[in-house]
Amino acid sequence: MLNIMWASLVLLVFLHLYLFSTKFHFLGALLTLEAMVLILLVLTVSLSYWTLEGLNIYYFVLTLSVCEAAFGLTLLISIVKLKGSDLINANPYH
C-alpha cells in the first residue's frame, strides 16, 4: 500500500512538472490536470484506508474535480469558439 502511495506521489510530481512545460495547447494542459486529479483521488482513497478514516475527504476531492473538469471544459469551448483553436498565446493581440 505504501509503494502505491510513493509511486503516485512521484507520478504527481512529474505531471506537475509536465504541466508547467505545456506551452502551446490548452487541451494538453487540461488532460494533465485531469490526470493529476485522478492520482489525487487514488491517494485520498489509499490514505483514508491507511489512516482508518472515512471517505469524506474523497468525496470532497471528487466534488472539486468535477467542478474543475466542468470549468476547464467550459473554458476550452469558449477559447475554441473565440480563436478557432486551443493554442495558448502569451500575446493577446495576435
N, C-alpha and C. Protein backbone atom coordinates (compact mmCIF):
# COMPACT_ATOMS: atom_id res chain seq x y z
N MET A 1 0.83 -1.19 0.00
CA MET A 1 0.00 0.00 0.00
C MET A 1 0.87 1.25 0.00
N LEU A 2 1.95 1.19 0.76
CA LEU A 2 2.83 2.34 0.84
C LEU A 2 3.57 2.57 -0.47
N ASN A 3 3.87 1.49 -1.20
CA ASN A 3 4.53 1.64 -2.50
C ASN A 3 3.62 2.33 -3.51
N ILE A 4 2.33 2.06 -3.44
CA ILE A 4 1.38 2.73 -4.34
C ILE A 4 1.33 4.21 -4.04
N MET A 5 1.38 4.56 -2.77
CA MET A 5 1.35 5.98 -2.41
C MET A 5 2.60 6.70 -2.87
N TRP A 6 3.77 6.08 -2.70
CA TRP A 6 5.00 6.71 -3.14
C TRP A 6 5.05 6.83 -4.66
N ALA A 7 4.62 5.80 -5.36
CA ALA A 7 4.61 5.86 -6.82
C ALA A 7 3.63 6.92 -7.30
N SER A 8 2.50 7.05 -6.63
CA SER A 8 1.54 8.08 -7.00
C SER A 8 2.10 9.48 -6.76
N LEU A 9 2.80 9.65 -5.66
CA LEU A 9 3.40 10.95 -5.37
C LEU A 9 4.47 11.32 -6.38
N VAL A 10 5.29 10.35 -6.77
CA VAL A 10 6.33 10.62 -7.78
C VAL A 10 5.68 10.95 -9.12
N LEU A 11 4.66 10.20 -9.49
CA LEU A 11 3.95 10.49 -10.74
C LEU A 11 3.27 11.85 -10.69
N LEU A 12 2.75 12.22 -9.54
CA LEU A 12 2.13 13.53 -9.38
C LEU A 12 3.15 14.65 -9.55
N VAL A 13 4.35 14.46 -9.04
CA VAL A 13 5.40 15.47 -9.21
C VAL A 13 5.80 15.59 -10.67
N PHE A 14 5.94 14.47 -11.37
CA PHE A 14 6.29 14.51 -12.78
C PHE A 14 5.19 15.17 -13.62
N LEU A 15 3.95 14.88 -13.30
CA LEU A 15 2.85 15.53 -14.02
C LEU A 15 2.80 17.02 -13.73
N HIS A 16 3.15 17.39 -12.52
CA HIS A 16 3.20 18.81 -12.17
C HIS A 16 4.27 19.52 -12.99
N LEU A 17 5.43 18.90 -13.13
CA LEU A 17 6.49 19.48 -13.96
C LEU A 17 6.08 19.52 -15.43
N TYR A 18 5.40 18.48 -15.89
CA TYR A 18 4.94 18.46 -17.28
C TYR A 18 3.89 19.54 -17.54
N LEU A 19 3.07 19.82 -16.53
CA LEU A 19 2.05 20.86 -16.68
C LEU A 19 2.70 22.21 -16.95
N PHE A 20 3.80 22.50 -16.27
CA PHE A 20 4.47 23.77 -16.48
C PHE A 20 5.24 23.81 -17.79
N SER A 21 5.52 22.65 -18.39
CA SER A 21 6.20 22.65 -19.69
C SER A 21 5.21 22.67 -20.85
N THR A 22 3.93 22.52 -20.57
CA THR A 22 2.91 22.60 -21.62
C THR A 22 2.72 24.06 -21.99
N LYS A 23 3.16 24.42 -23.19
CA LYS A 23 3.18 25.83 -23.56
C LYS A 23 2.22 26.18 -24.69
N PHE A 24 1.78 25.22 -25.45
CA PHE A 24 1.10 25.56 -26.68
C PHE A 24 -0.38 25.19 -26.72
N HIS A 25 -0.76 24.07 -26.18
CA HIS A 25 -2.14 23.61 -26.32
C HIS A 25 -2.85 23.57 -24.97
N PHE A 26 -4.03 24.17 -24.94
CA PHE A 26 -4.85 24.22 -23.74
C PHE A 26 -5.40 22.84 -23.40
N LEU A 27 -5.71 22.05 -24.41
CA LEU A 27 -6.25 20.71 -24.18
C LEU A 27 -5.24 19.81 -23.50
N GLY A 28 -3.98 19.93 -23.87
CA GLY A 28 -2.93 19.14 -23.21
C GLY A 28 -2.80 19.49 -21.74
N ALA A 29 -2.92 20.78 -21.44
CA ALA A 29 -2.86 21.20 -20.03
C ALA A 29 -4.06 20.67 -19.26
N LEU A 30 -5.23 20.68 -19.87
CA LEU A 30 -6.42 20.15 -19.20
C LEU A 30 -6.32 18.64 -18.96
N LEU A 31 -5.79 17.91 -19.92
CA LEU A 31 -5.62 16.47 -19.73
C LEU A 31 -4.61 16.17 -18.64
N THR A 32 -3.56 16.98 -18.55
CA THR A 32 -2.59 16.81 -17.48
C THR A 32 -3.22 17.08 -16.12
N LEU A 33 -4.04 18.13 -16.04
CA LEU A 33 -4.74 18.42 -14.79
C LEU A 33 -5.68 17.29 -14.40
N GLU A 34 -6.36 16.71 -15.37
CA GLU A 34 -7.27 15.60 -15.06
C GLU A 34 -6.51 14.37 -14.58
N ALA A 35 -5.34 14.12 -15.16
CA ALA A 35 -4.52 13.00 -14.68
C ALA A 35 -4.05 13.25 -13.26
N MET A 36 -3.71 14.50 -12.96
CA MET A 36 -3.30 14.84 -11.60
C MET A 36 -4.44 14.64 -10.61
N VAL A 37 -5.64 15.00 -11.01
CA VAL A 37 -6.81 14.83 -10.14
C VAL A 37 -7.09 13.34 -9.92
N LEU A 38 -6.94 12.54 -10.96
CA LEU A 38 -7.14 11.10 -10.82
C LEU A 38 -6.14 10.50 -9.84
N ILE A 39 -4.90 10.95 -9.91
CA ILE A 39 -3.89 10.46 -8.96
C ILE A 39 -4.21 10.93 -7.55
N LEU A 40 -4.70 12.16 -7.42
CA LEU A 40 -5.11 12.65 -6.10
C LEU A 40 -6.26 11.83 -5.52
N LEU A 41 -7.18 11.40 -6.38
CA LEU A 41 -8.27 10.55 -5.90
C LEU A 41 -7.75 9.21 -5.41
N VAL A 42 -6.80 8.63 -6.13
CA VAL A 42 -6.20 7.37 -5.69
C VAL A 42 -5.47 7.57 -4.37
N LEU A 43 -4.76 8.69 -4.25
CA LEU A 43 -4.05 8.97 -3.00
C LEU A 43 -5.01 9.16 -1.82
N THR A 44 -6.11 9.84 -2.04
CA THR A 44 -7.04 10.06 -0.93
C THR A 44 -7.71 8.76 -0.50
N VAL A 45 -8.02 7.89 -1.45
CA VAL A 45 -8.62 6.60 -1.08
C VAL A 45 -7.61 5.76 -0.30
N SER A 46 -6.38 5.69 -0.79
CA SER A 46 -5.39 4.88 -0.08
C SER A 46 -5.04 5.49 1.27
N LEU A 47 -5.02 6.81 1.36
CA LEU A 47 -4.72 7.45 2.64
C LEU A 47 -5.87 7.27 3.63
N SER A 48 -7.10 7.31 3.13
CA SER A 48 -8.23 7.14 4.05
C SER A 48 -8.30 5.70 4.58
N TYR A 49 -7.94 4.72 3.77
CA TYR A 49 -7.91 3.35 4.28
C TYR A 49 -6.71 3.11 5.18
N TRP A 50 -5.61 3.80 4.91
CA TRP A 50 -4.41 3.62 5.71
C TRP A 50 -4.57 4.24 7.09
N THR A 51 -5.26 5.36 7.17
CA THR A 51 -5.46 6.02 8.46
C THR A 51 -6.78 5.63 9.13
N LEU A 52 -7.54 4.76 8.50
CA LEU A 52 -8.81 4.26 9.03
C LEU A 52 -9.82 5.37 9.29
N GLU A 53 -9.84 6.33 8.41
CA GLU A 53 -10.85 7.39 8.50
C GLU A 53 -11.89 7.14 7.41
N GLY A 54 -12.92 7.96 7.44
CA GLY A 54 -13.98 7.81 6.45
C GLY A 54 -13.57 8.33 5.09
N LEU A 55 -14.50 8.24 4.18
CA LEU A 55 -14.25 8.68 2.81
C LEU A 55 -14.71 10.12 2.57
N ASN A 56 -14.84 10.91 3.62
CA ASN A 56 -15.31 12.28 3.44
C ASN A 56 -14.37 13.12 2.61
N ILE A 57 -13.06 12.97 2.81
CA ILE A 57 -12.09 13.74 2.03
C ILE A 57 -12.11 13.30 0.57
N TYR A 58 -12.39 12.01 0.34
CA TYR A 58 -12.50 11.51 -1.03
C TYR A 58 -13.68 12.17 -1.74
N TYR A 59 -14.80 12.27 -1.06
CA TYR A 59 -15.97 12.92 -1.66
C TYR A 59 -15.71 14.40 -1.92
N PHE A 60 -14.97 15.04 -1.03
CA PHE A 60 -14.64 16.44 -1.22
C PHE A 60 -13.74 16.64 -2.44
N VAL A 61 -12.70 15.81 -2.57
CA VAL A 61 -11.80 15.91 -3.72
C VAL A 61 -12.54 15.54 -5.00
N LEU A 62 -13.43 14.57 -4.94
CA LEU A 62 -14.22 14.19 -6.11
C LEU A 62 -15.12 15.33 -6.56
N THR A 63 -15.73 16.02 -5.61
CA THR A 63 -16.59 17.17 -5.94
C THR A 63 -15.78 18.29 -6.58
N LEU A 64 -14.61 18.57 -6.01
CA LEU A 64 -13.75 19.61 -6.60
C LEU A 64 -13.25 19.23 -7.98
N SER A 65 -12.99 17.94 -8.20
CA SER A 65 -12.51 17.52 -9.52
C SER A 65 -13.61 17.63 -10.58
N VAL A 66 -14.84 17.37 -10.20
CA VAL A 66 -15.95 17.53 -11.14
C VAL A 66 -16.12 19.00 -11.50
N CYS A 67 -16.03 19.87 -10.50
CA CYS A 67 -16.13 21.31 -10.76
C CYS A 67 -14.99 21.79 -11.63
N GLU A 68 -13.78 21.28 -11.39
CA GLU A 68 -12.62 21.67 -12.19
C GLU A 68 -12.76 21.19 -13.63
N ALA A 69 -13.27 19.99 -13.82
CA ALA A 69 -13.45 19.47 -15.17
C ALA A 69 -14.50 20.26 -15.93
N ALA A 70 -15.59 20.60 -15.28
CA ALA A 70 -16.64 21.38 -15.94
C ALA A 70 -16.14 22.78 -16.29
N PHE A 71 -15.42 23.40 -15.38
CA PHE A 71 -14.88 24.74 -15.63
C PHE A 71 -13.84 24.71 -16.75
N GLY A 72 -12.97 23.70 -16.75
CA GLY A 72 -11.97 23.58 -17.80
C GLY A 72 -12.58 23.32 -19.16
N LEU A 73 -13.61 22.49 -19.22
CA LEU A 73 -14.28 22.23 -20.49
C LEU A 73 -15.00 23.48 -21.00
N THR A 74 -15.59 24.24 -20.09
CA THR A 74 -16.24 25.49 -20.48
C THR A 74 -15.22 26.48 -21.04
N LEU A 75 -14.08 26.59 -20.38
CA LEU A 75 -13.03 27.48 -20.88
C LEU A 75 -12.51 27.02 -22.24
N LEU A 76 -12.33 25.72 -22.40
CA LEU A 76 -11.84 25.19 -23.68
C LEU A 76 -12.81 25.49 -24.80
N ILE A 77 -14.09 25.28 -24.57
CA ILE A 77 -15.10 25.57 -25.60
C ILE A 77 -15.14 27.05 -25.92
N SER A 78 -15.02 27.89 -24.91
CA SER A 78 -15.02 29.34 -25.15
C SER A 78 -13.81 29.77 -25.95
N ILE A 79 -12.64 29.23 -25.63
CA ILE A 79 -11.43 29.59 -26.36
C ILE A 79 -11.50 29.11 -27.80
N VAL A 80 -12.00 27.91 -28.02
CA VAL A 80 -12.11 27.40 -29.39
C VAL A 80 -13.11 28.21 -30.20
N LYS A 81 -14.20 28.64 -29.58
CA LYS A 81 -15.17 29.47 -30.29
C LYS A 81 -14.59 30.84 -30.64
N LEU A 82 -13.82 31.41 -29.73
CA LEU A 82 -13.27 32.75 -29.98
C LEU A 82 -12.09 32.73 -30.95
N LYS A 83 -11.16 31.79 -30.75
CA LYS A 83 -9.93 31.80 -31.52
C LYS A 83 -9.90 30.80 -32.66
N GLY A 84 -10.71 29.78 -32.59
CA GLY A 84 -10.71 28.76 -33.63
C GLY A 84 -9.75 27.61 -33.36
N SER A 85 -8.95 27.70 -32.31
CA SER A 85 -8.04 26.62 -31.93
C SER A 85 -7.78 26.71 -30.43
N ASP A 86 -7.09 25.71 -29.91
CA ASP A 86 -6.80 25.71 -28.48
C ASP A 86 -5.36 26.13 -28.18
N LEU A 87 -4.74 26.82 -29.12
CA LEU A 87 -3.37 27.26 -28.91
C LEU A 87 -3.30 28.35 -27.86
N ILE A 88 -2.31 28.24 -26.98
CA ILE A 88 -2.09 29.24 -25.95
C ILE A 88 -1.11 30.26 -26.49
N ASN A 89 -1.49 31.53 -26.44
CA ASN A 89 -0.64 32.60 -26.93
C ASN A 89 -0.43 33.59 -25.80
N ALA A 90 0.84 33.93 -25.55
CA ALA A 90 1.13 34.87 -24.47
C ALA A 90 0.74 36.29 -24.84
N ASN A 91 0.72 36.61 -26.12
CA ASN A 91 0.35 37.94 -26.57
C ASN A 91 -1.13 37.93 -26.97
N PRO A 92 -2.00 38.59 -26.24
CA PRO A 92 -3.43 38.50 -26.54
C PRO A 92 -3.85 39.28 -27.79
N TYR A 93 -2.97 40.09 -28.36
CA TYR A 93 -3.34 40.91 -29.51
C TYR A 93 -3.05 40.24 -30.84
N HIS A 94 -2.53 39.03 -30.83
CA HIS A 94 -2.26 38.31 -32.08
C HIS A 94 -3.20 37.17 -32.24
